[in-house]
Protein backbone atom coordinates (compact mmCIF):
# COMPACT_ATOMS: atom_id res chain seq x y z
CA MET A 1 -32.06 13.65 -10.93
CA ALA A 2 -29.90 14.43 -7.88
CA THR A 3 -28.58 17.75 -6.74
CA PRO A 4 -24.86 18.25 -6.07
CA ARG A 5 -25.64 18.67 -2.37
CA THR A 6 -27.44 15.32 -2.24
CA LEU A 7 -24.58 13.61 -4.04
CA ALA A 8 -22.07 15.13 -1.61
CA ARG A 9 -24.09 13.84 1.35
CA LEU A 10 -24.30 10.41 -0.24
CA ASP A 11 -20.53 10.37 -0.77
CA THR A 12 -20.01 11.24 2.89
CA LEU A 13 -22.39 8.48 3.97
CA ILE A 14 -20.68 5.94 1.70
CA TRP A 15 -17.19 6.55 3.05
CA SER A 16 -18.41 6.74 6.64
CA LEU A 17 -20.09 3.35 6.28
CA ILE A 18 -17.06 1.77 4.64
CA PHE A 19 -14.40 3.05 7.03
CA GLY A 20 -16.61 2.81 10.11
CA GLY A 21 -17.64 -0.72 9.17
CA LEU A 22 -14.06 -1.81 8.65
CA LEU A 23 -13.07 -0.27 11.99
CA VAL A 24 -15.86 -2.10 13.81
CA LEU A 25 -14.93 -5.31 11.97
CA VAL A 26 -11.34 -5.05 13.18
CA LEU A 27 -12.50 -4.31 16.73
CA GLY A 28 -14.73 -7.37 16.57
CA ILE A 29 -11.88 -9.56 15.39
CA ALA A 30 -9.62 -8.19 18.13
CA SER A 31 -12.20 -8.85 20.86
CA HIS A 32 -12.98 -12.47 19.93
CA ASP A 33 -10.69 -13.73 22.70
CA GLU A 34 -12.38 -11.72 25.45
CA THR A 35 -16.03 -12.16 24.52
CA ALA A 36 -16.93 -14.54 21.75
CA ILE A 37 -20.51 -13.32 21.30
CA GLY A 38 -19.48 -9.66 21.43
CA GLY A 39 -16.65 -10.23 18.99
CA TRP A 40 -18.87 -12.01 16.50
CA SER A 41 -21.57 -9.36 16.88
CA LEU A 42 -19.11 -6.55 16.17
CA SER A 43 -17.65 -8.48 13.24
CA VAL A 44 -21.04 -9.06 11.66
CA LEU A 45 -22.16 -5.48 12.28
CA GLY A 46 -18.98 -4.07 10.77
CA SER A 47 -19.22 -6.37 7.76
CA VAL A 48 -22.82 -5.34 7.11
CA ALA A 49 -21.96 -1.64 7.35
CA ALA A 50 -19.00 -1.98 4.99
CA LEU A 51 -21.09 -4.01 2.55
CA ALA A 52 -23.81 -1.34 2.64
CA GLY A 53 -21.17 1.25 1.76
CA PHE A 54 -20.00 -0.80 -1.21
CA VAL A 55 -23.59 -1.24 -2.41
CA LEU A 56 -24.13 2.52 -2.15
CA ILE A 57 -21.12 3.05 -4.42
CA VAL A 58 -23.00 1.14 -7.12
CA VAL A 59 -26.15 3.16 -6.44
CA ARG A 60 -24.15 6.41 -6.59
CA SER A 61 -22.59 5.45 -9.92
CA ARG A 62 -26.04 5.15 -11.47
CA LEU A 63 -27.29 8.55 -10.31
CA ARG A 64 -27.09 11.47 -12.70
CA GLU A 65 -26.37 14.99 -11.57
CA ASP A 66 -28.94 17.69 -12.42
CA ALA A 67 -27.82 20.50 -14.69
CA GLU A 68 -27.27 23.74 -12.85
CA PRO A 69 -29.89 26.44 -13.41
CA GLY A 70 -28.86 28.67 -16.28
CA ALA A 71 -26.57 26.08 -17.83
CA GLN A 72 -29.06 25.38 -20.59
CA SER A 73 -30.10 27.94 -23.16
CA THR A 74 -33.75 28.88 -23.16
CA PRO A 75 -35.70 30.70 -25.85
CA SER A 76 -36.13 34.41 -25.29
CA ARG A 77 -39.51 35.82 -24.34
CA THR A 78 -39.98 37.53 -27.70
CA GLY A 79 -40.55 34.19 -29.37
CA ASP A 80 -37.19 34.03 -31.15
CA SER A 81 -35.66 30.59 -31.28
CA PRO A 82 -32.10 30.23 -29.95
CA ARG A 83 -29.42 30.00 -32.60
């Protein structure tokens, strides 16, 4: 269903969203004293990004990896069935 390359890219996206979202969330919390609207905006944006990363973990767990070419036995061209 999904190639190993696609799964690797999805893993990278997941962890980038989670860690980036948490970083932006912390920056938003830290900047609440200076600008209330900016702090809340960063907090909400970071929370949404981290939540998207957690949702993608569930999506990733339901994906199956395709078998590599040649991993399955195929019948020979002479018509013999594999034993």
